[in-house]
């Protein structure tokens, strides 16, 4: 990928997400916390405020490490996902996603 002009986080994100939505649109949600709180046995999680995501845009992070779709988690409905292994309560858990238009 070649990025022309000034290289910064916005330009890189725009190049990566081209065709989906601008990274600065309010449709992109960054560093959100799903519910319920991880407890070591919970596998199914819901987006905050029961928001929906565009299939294929969900990104999940455990302790800052991005999880792999279809290996570490599955997108199960428009606002839920299922982890392969239940996160523990002491793990940092966050998600990024694009909401539908």
Protein backbone atom coordinates (compact mmCIF):
# COMPACT_ATOMS: atom_id res chain seq x y z
CA UNK A 1 0.00 0.00 0.00
CA UNK A 2 1.33 3.45 -0.91
CA UNK A 3 0.16 6.48 1.03
CA UNK A 4 0.83 9.81 -0.59
CA UNK A 5 1.03 13.15 1.19
CA UNK A 6 1.45 13.50 4.92
CA UNK A 7 1.65 10.16 6.70
CA UNK A 8 -0.36 10.17 9.91
CA UNK A 9 -2.88 7.94 11.68
CA UNK A 10 -5.85 9.50 9.87
CA UNK A 11 -4.31 8.99 6.40
CA UNK A 12 -3.31 5.42 7.19
CA UNK A 13 -6.75 4.57 8.59
CA UNK A 14 -8.40 6.20 5.57
CA UNK A 15 -6.30 4.09 3.22
CA UNK A 16 -7.06 0.89 5.11
CA UNK A 17 -10.77 1.55 5.37
CA UNK A 18 -11.30 2.96 1.89
CA UNK A 19 -14.69 2.03 0.56
CA UNK A 20 -16.19 1.58 4.04
CA UNK A 21 -16.30 5.01 5.68
CA UNK A 22 -13.97 7.78 6.67
CA UNK A 23 -12.15 6.92 9.92
CA UNK A 24 -13.38 10.21 11.34
CA UNK A 25 -17.07 9.50 10.75
CA UNK A 26 -19.19 8.97 13.83
CA UNK A 27 -20.07 5.53 12.42
CA UNK A 28 -16.64 4.22 13.49
CA UNK A 29 -16.51 3.28 17.17
CA UNK A 30 -13.07 2.96 18.76
CA UNK A 31 -11.94 1.36 22.04
CA UNK A 32 -15.44 0.39 23.21
CA UNK A 33 -16.12 -2.10 25.99
CA UNK A 34 -18.54 -4.94 25.22
CA UNK A 35 -20.95 -6.34 27.79
CA UNK A 36 -21.10 -8.24 30.05
CA UNK A 37 -17.80 -7.91 31.89
CA UNK A 38 -15.47 -10.88 31.20
CA UNK A 39 -15.45 -13.43 34.03
CA UNK A 40 -13.55 -16.43 32.68
CA UNK A 41 -16.68 -18.29 31.58
CA UNK A 42 -18.67 -15.78 29.47
CA UNK A 43 -18.32 -16.47 25.73
CA UNK A 44 -21.03 -14.31 24.12
CA UNK A 45 -20.69 -10.52 24.24
CA UNK A 46 -22.84 -7.62 23.06
CA UNK A 47 -21.79 -4.27 21.69
CA UNK A 48 -22.35 -1.29 24.02
CA UNK A 49 -25.90 0.13 23.93
CA UNK A 50 -26.87 -2.83 21.69
CA UNK A 51 -25.30 -1.01 18.73
CA UNK A 52 -24.84 -2.98 15.52
CA UNK A 53 -21.70 -3.44 13.43
CA UNK A 54 -21.10 -3.94 9.72
CA UNK A 55 -20.04 -7.55 9.18
CA UNK A 56 -16.29 -7.81 8.74
CA UNK A 57 -15.44 -4.55 10.54
CA UNK A 58 -15.40 -5.85 14.12
CA UNK A 59 -11.95 -5.81 15.73
CA UNK A 60 -11.44 -7.36 19.15
CA UNK A 61 -8.45 -6.77 21.43
CA UNK A 62 -7.45 -8.72 24.55
CA UNK A 63 -4.67 -7.09 26.54
CA UNK A 64 -3.96 -4.96 23.47
CA UNK A 65 -3.52 -7.94 21.13
CA UNK A 66 -5.87 -8.09 18.17
CA UNK A 67 -7.83 -11.32 18.02
CA UNK A 68 -8.28 -13.29 14.80
CA UNK A 69 -11.76 -13.62 13.32
CA UNK A 70 -12.94 -17.24 12.96
CA UNK A 71 -10.02 -18.39 15.13
CA UNK A 72 -10.43 -16.41 18.35
CA UNK A 73 -13.99 -15.17 17.83
CA UNK A 74 -17.01 -15.39 15.53
CA UNK A 75 -19.40 -12.65 14.49
CA UNK A 76 -22.72 -14.18 15.58
CA UNK A 77 -25.37 -11.49 15.06
CA UNK A 78 -25.39 -7.82 14.05
CA UNK A 79 -24.62 -6.82 17.65
CA UNK A 80 -23.04 -9.89 19.28
CA UNK A 81 -19.91 -11.96 18.93
CA UNK A 82 -18.74 -15.21 20.48
CA UNK A 83 -15.23 -15.77 21.78
CA UNK A 84 -13.56 -19.18 21.33
CA UNK A 85 -12.01 -18.94 24.80
CA UNK A 86 -13.67 -16.95 27.57
CA UNK A 87 -11.66 -13.85 28.56
CA UNK A 88 -10.67 -13.58 32.22
CA UNK A 89 -11.77 -10.71 34.43
CA UNK A 90 -8.20 -9.38 34.66
CA UNK A 91 -7.81 -9.06 30.87
CA UNK A 92 -8.26 -5.73 29.11
CA UNK A 93 -11.06 -6.21 26.58
CA UNK A 94 -11.95 -3.66 23.88
CA UNK A 95 -13.52 -3.54 20.44
CA UNK A 96 -13.58 -1.31 17.37
CA UNK A 97 -16.32 -1.47 14.72
CA UNK A 98 -18.20 0.37 12.00
CA UNK A 99 -21.91 0.95 12.60
CA UNK A 100 -24.29 0.54 9.63
CA UNK A 101 -25.35 3.68 7.74
